[in-house]
């Protein structure tokens, strides 16, 4: 689960689930295989979606794959560990035993 937490901190984000008290965890990657491994680890049956290729500053970017999980308990635990919405501005390093850092 440390790997999943690292993936969420680097390539994911939190967002309140519209119309619910749960927090939605969003995972995004350039390869769907990584997300499929994550889904299996988390025992999730959510769907992996793809976004089409886009052009940024004149360069073509490949497709992006993503999925989301809405779970109040998991979302609250992520907040406790330091992951917040708009994480690039507010994220704290999670409490990790020194031997695992």
Protein backbone atom coordinates (compact mmCIF):
# COMPACT_ATOMS: atom_id res chain seq x y z
CA UNK A 1 0.00 0.00 0.00
CA UNK A 2 3.01 2.30 0.35
CA UNK A 3 3.37 2.09 -3.43
CA UNK A 4 -0.30 3.01 -3.89
CA UNK A 5 0.09 5.95 -1.51
CA UNK A 6 3.16 7.15 -3.42
CA UNK A 7 1.29 6.88 -6.70
CA UNK A 8 -1.60 8.91 -5.33
CA UNK A 9 0.77 11.57 -3.94
CA UNK A 10 2.64 11.89 -7.26
CA UNK A 11 0.05 11.27 -9.98
CA UNK A 12 -3.28 11.49 -8.24
CA UNK A 13 -5.51 13.95 -6.48
CA UNK A 14 -8.45 14.26 -4.09
CA UNK A 15 -11.72 15.91 -4.90
CA UNK A 16 -15.00 16.03 -2.98
CA UNK A 17 -17.50 13.68 -4.63
CA UNK A 18 -20.34 15.79 -6.03
CA UNK A 19 -23.49 15.32 -3.98
CA UNK A 20 -21.82 13.00 -1.46
CA UNK A 21 -19.88 13.27 1.78
CA UNK A 22 -17.22 10.91 0.40
CA UNK A 23 -13.94 12.16 -0.98
CA UNK A 24 -13.07 10.90 -4.44
CA UNK A 25 -9.52 9.66 -5.07
CA UNK A 26 -8.40 10.13 -8.68
CA UNK A 27 -5.47 8.21 -10.17
CA UNK A 28 -3.98 9.19 -13.54
CA UNK A 29 -1.25 7.50 -15.61
CA UNK A 30 0.03 7.33 -19.17
CA UNK A 31 -0.18 3.54 -19.17
CA UNK A 32 -3.32 1.60 -18.26
CA UNK A 33 -1.33 -1.41 -17.00
CA UNK A 34 -0.15 0.48 -13.91
CA UNK A 35 -3.71 1.45 -13.08
CA UNK A 36 -4.89 -2.13 -13.54
CA UNK A 37 -2.25 -3.27 -11.02
CA UNK A 38 -3.39 -0.57 -8.61
CA UNK A 39 -7.04 -1.57 -9.00
CA UNK A 40 -6.14 -5.20 -8.25
CA UNK A 41 -4.13 -4.18 -5.18
CA UNK A 42 -7.03 -2.07 -3.91
CA UNK A 43 -9.56 -4.79 -4.84
CA UNK A 44 -11.55 -2.22 -6.81
CA UNK A 45 -13.95 -2.93 -9.65
CA UNK A 46 -13.98 0.64 -10.96
CA UNK A 47 -13.48 1.31 -14.68
CA UNK A 48 -10.27 2.71 -16.16
CA UNK A 49 -11.11 5.48 -18.63
CA UNK A 50 -8.94 7.08 -21.28
CA UNK A 51 -8.75 10.69 -22.38
CA UNK A 52 -7.78 11.34 -25.99
CA UNK A 53 -4.45 12.68 -27.16
CA UNK A 54 -4.05 16.42 -26.79
CA UNK A 55 -1.75 19.15 -28.06
CA UNK A 56 0.19 21.23 -25.52
CA UNK A 57 2.39 24.09 -26.75
CA UNK A 58 2.45 22.60 -30.23
CA UNK A 59 3.45 19.11 -29.03
CA UNK A 60 1.18 16.09 -29.15
CA UNK A 61 0.69 14.40 -25.80
CA UNK A 62 -0.45 10.78 -25.67
CA UNK A 63 -3.66 9.51 -24.17
CA UNK A 64 -4.05 9.59 -20.40
CA UNK A 65 -5.76 6.86 -18.38
CA UNK A 66 -7.58 7.43 -15.12
CA UNK A 67 -10.00 6.06 -12.58
CA UNK A 68 -11.62 7.33 -9.40
CA UNK A 69 -12.73 5.76 -6.13
CA UNK A 70 -15.28 7.39 -3.80
CA UNK A 71 -14.82 6.19 -0.25
CA UNK A 72 -15.31 8.38 2.82
CA UNK A 73 -13.07 6.32 5.10
CA UNK A 74 -10.24 6.06 2.58
CA UNK A 75 -10.53 9.73 1.63
CA UNK A 76 -10.39 10.81 5.27
CA UNK A 77 -7.34 8.59 5.84
CA UNK A 78 -5.58 10.29 2.92
CA UNK A 79 -6.31 13.67 4.51
CA UNK A 80 -4.81 12.39 7.78
CA UNK A 81 -1.68 11.31 5.89
CA UNK A 82 -1.23 14.78 4.41
CA UNK A 83 -2.80 14.53 0.97
CA UNK A 84 -5.15 17.43 0.33
CA UNK A 85 -7.11 18.85 -2.59
CA UNK A 86 -4.81 21.17 -4.58
CA UNK A 87 -1.96 19.07 -3.17
CA UNK A 88 0.85 20.80 -5.03
CA UNK A 89 0.19 23.84 -2.84
CA UNK A 90 -0.56 22.15 0.49
CA UNK A 91 0.78 18.58 0.63
CA UNK A 92 2.78 17.40 3.64
CA UNK A 93 5.10 14.41 3.61
CA UNK A 94 3.22 11.51 5.24
CA UNK A 95 4.34 10.06 8.56
CA UNK A 96 6.51 7.13 7.48
CA UNK A 97 8.82 5.14 9.74
CA UNK A 98 12.43 6.15 8.93
CA UNK A 99 13.41 2.65 7.86
CA UNK A 100 10.89 2.86 4.99
CA UNK A 101 11.91 6.28 3.65
